[in-house]
Structures are given as structure tokens and as C-alpha cells.
C-alpha atoms as a PDB file:
ATOM      1  CA  MET A   1       2.922   0.891   9.734  1.00  0.00           C
ATOM      2  CA  THR A   2       2.440  -0.624  13.141  1.00  0.00           C
ATOM      3  CA  THR A   3      -1.008  -0.852  14.682  1.00  0.00           C
ATOM      4  CA  GLU A   4      -0.155   1.979  17.065  1.00  0.00           C
ATOM      5  CA  GLN A   5       1.009   4.164  14.173  1.00  0.00           C
ATOM      6  CA  VAL A   6      -2.260   3.520  12.317  1.00  0.00           C
ATOM      7  CA  ILE A   7      -4.288   4.561  15.368  1.00  0.00           C
ATOM      8  CA  LEU A   8      -2.112   7.580  16.149  1.00  0.00           C
ATOM      9  CA  ASP A   9      -2.307   8.669  12.512  1.00  0.00           C
ATOM     10  CA  ARG A  10      -6.104   8.533  12.707  1.00  0.00           C
ATOM     11  CA  PHE A  11      -6.025  10.695  15.839  1.00  0.00           C
ATOM     12  CA  ARG A  12      -3.616  13.101  14.140  1.00  0.00           C
ATOM     13  CA  TYR A  13      -5.937  13.462  11.158  1.00  0.00           C
ATOM     14  CA  ARG A  14      -9.000  14.064  13.308  1.00  0.00           C
ATOM     15  CA  CYS A  15      -7.169  16.455  15.655  1.00  0.00           C
ATOM     16  CA  HIS A  16      -5.956  18.429  12.636  1.00  0.00           C
ATOM     17  CA  ILE A  17      -9.574  18.874  11.539  1.00  0.00           C
ATOM     18  CA  ALA A  18     -10.492  19.978  15.085  1.00  0.00           C
ATOM     19  CA  GLY A  19      -7.659  22.524  15.181  1.00  0.00           C
ATOM     20  CA  SER A  20      -4.872  20.935  17.228  1.00  0.00           C
ATOM     21  CA  VAL A  21      -3.731  17.894  19.161  1.00  0.00           C
ATOM     22  CA  GLN A  22      -4.944  18.194  22.741  1.00  0.00           C
ATOM     23  CA  PRO A  23      -5.125  15.798  25.692  1.00  0.00           C
ATOM     24  CA  GLY A  24      -8.733  14.767  26.212  1.00  0.00           C
ATOM     25  CA  TYR A  25      -9.584  14.698  22.510  1.00  0.00           C
ATOM     26  CA  GLY A  26     -11.952  11.782  22.038  1.00  0.00           C
ATOM     27  CA  MET A  27     -12.938   9.555  19.159  1.00  0.00           C
ATOM     28  CA  ARG A  28     -15.504   6.847  18.870  1.00  0.00           C
ATOM     29  CA  ALA A  29     -14.003   3.396  18.415  1.00  0.00           C
ATOM     30  CA  GLN A  30     -15.977   3.100  15.176  1.00  0.00           C
ATOM     31  CA  ALA A  31     -14.257   6.227  13.813  1.00  0.00           C
ATOM     32  CA  ILE A  32     -10.833   4.846  14.741  1.00  0.00           C
ATOM     33  CA  ARG A  33     -11.601   1.598  12.890  1.00  0.00           C
ATOM     34  CA  TYR A  34     -12.724   3.526   9.788  1.00  0.00           C
ATOM     35  CA  GLY A  35      -9.309   3.283   8.121  1.00  0.00           C
ATOM     36  CA  GLN A  36      -8.706  -0.390   8.904  1.00  0.00           C
ATOM     37  CA  PRO A  37      -9.488  -1.623   5.345  1.00  0.00           C
ATOM     38  CA  GLU A  38      -6.465   0.379   4.153  1.00  0.00           C
ATOM     39  CA  HIS A  39      -4.253  -1.610   6.546  1.00  0.00           C
ATOM     40  CA  PRO A  40      -5.022  -5.319   6.198  1.00  0.00           C
ATOM     41  CA  GLY A  41      -3.567  -7.421   8.965  1.00  0.00           C
ATOM     42  CA  VAL A  42      -3.679  -4.596  11.513  1.00  0.00           C
ATOM     43  CA  ASP A  43      -5.621  -5.522  14.650  1.00  0.00           C
ATOM     44  CA  ILE A  44      -7.106  -2.203  15.752  1.00  0.00           C
ATOM     45  CA  ASP A  45      -8.751  -3.666  18.868  1.00  0.00           C
ATOM     46  CA  ALA A  46      -5.467  -5.133  20.105  1.00  0.00           C
ATOM     47  CA  GLY A  47      -3.720  -1.846  19.368  1.00  0.00           C
ATOM     48  CA  LEU A  48      -6.317   0.136  21.297  1.00  0.00           C
ATOM     49  CA  ALA A  49      -5.999  -2.205  24.274  1.00  0.00           C
ATOM     50  CA  ALA A  50      -2.187  -1.876  24.200  1.00  0.00           C
ATOM     51  CA  MET A  51      -2.398   1.901  24.038  1.00  0.00           C
ATOM     52  CA  VAL A  52      -4.771   1.995  27.010  1.00  0.00           C
ATOM     53  CA  GLU A  53      -2.333  -0.219  28.918  1.00  0.00           C
ATOM     54  CA  LYS A  54       0.570   2.127  28.041  1.00  0.00           C
ATOM     55  CA  GLY A  55      -1.447   5.099  29.259  1.00  0.00           C
ATOM     56  CA  TRP A  56      -1.707   6.795  25.863  1.00  0.00           C
ATOM     57  CA  LEU A  57      -5.498   6.445  25.694  1.00  0.00           C
ATOM     58  CA  LYS A  58      -8.350   6.313  28.196  1.00  0.00           C
ATOM     59  CA  GLN A  59     -11.427   4.268  27.382  1.00  0.00           C
ATOM     60  CA  ASN A  60     -14.975   5.028  28.500  1.00  0.00           C
ATOM     61  CA  PRO A  61     -16.718   2.273  30.533  1.00  0.00           C
ATOM     62  CA  ALA A  62     -18.756   1.110  27.526  1.00  0.00           C
ATOM     63  CA  GLY A  63     -15.622   0.789  25.365  1.00  0.00           C
ATOM     64  CA  THR A  64     -17.111   2.960  22.644  1.00  0.00           C
ATOM     65  CA  TRP A  65     -14.898   6.051  23.031  1.00  0.00           C
ATOM     66  CA  TYR A  66     -11.149   6.588  23.422  1.00  0.00           C
ATOM     67  CA  TYR A  67      -9.551   9.792  24.692  1.00  0.00           C
ATOM     68  CA  LEU A  68      -5.973  11.013  24.331  1.00  0.00           C
ATOM     69  CA  THR A  69      -4.029  11.293  27.573  1.00  0.00           C
ATOM     70  CA  PRO A  70      -1.212  13.857  27.820  1.00  0.00           C
ATOM     71  CA  ASP A  71       1.248  11.050  26.893  1.00  0.00           C
ATOM     72  CA  GLY A  72      -0.957  10.011  23.992  1.00  0.00           C
ATOM     73  CA  ALA A  73      -1.145  13.572  22.695  1.00  0.00           C
ATOM     74  CA  GLU A  74       2.666  13.715  22.754  1.00  0.00           C
ATOM     75  CA  GLN A  75       2.802  10.454  20.766  1.00  0.00           C
ATOM     76  CA  VAL A  76       0.459  11.943  18.147  1.00  0.00           C
ATOM     77  CA  LYS A  77       2.596  15.081  17.910  1.00  0.00           C
ATOM     78  CA  ALA A  78       5.771  13.001  17.518  1.00  0.00           C
ATOM     79  CA  LEU A  79       4.334  10.819  14.730  1.00  0.00           C
ATOM     80  CA  ARG A  80       6.061  11.334  11.408  1.00  0.00           C
ATOM     81  CA  PRO A  81       3.807  12.293   8.483  1.00  0.00           C
ATOM     82  CA  THR A  82       2.844   9.298   6.350  1.00  0.00           C
ATOM     83  CA  ALA A  83       2.710  10.989   2.978  1.00  0.00           C
END
């Protein structure tokens, strides 16, 4: 899995628990990094920065929360199931 896929998969999991994938859904950076041990060699911080640059995520000023943009929500919805 690519770094972006790992992050999107984490959003998909958390959005599923919340009920659906919606723009504006937010996650703490710490919660996004939670699954990193399962993916050695994946640089979550670099992936988050790239996704902000692409416009898929918005970051709060402190850098502690990330929110799905409409484009990011579409990327989550398009992600193929991993299992």
C-alpha cells in the first residue's frame, strides 16, 4: 500500500464507524498514525503533507487535526477494500 492508501484507509475505517464518508470529517494526527506500525517504511507525515498539497485534506493551524475536503472524501469512497 502507498502512504496515501494507508491514510485513506484509516479515514475510511473511522468514517464507517461514524456512519458515512463526508467532507469535513476530521481526525487527530495521532489517530491517523495509529496504524503506522502495521506498515513499516510508510512515512505518514510526508503522506499527510502531500495530501494537504493535493487538496484532499485540510490541516488545522496547530497541525494536530486533518479534515477531509470534498476531493478527499471522493478519494476515500474510491479506495478499494484492503481485505
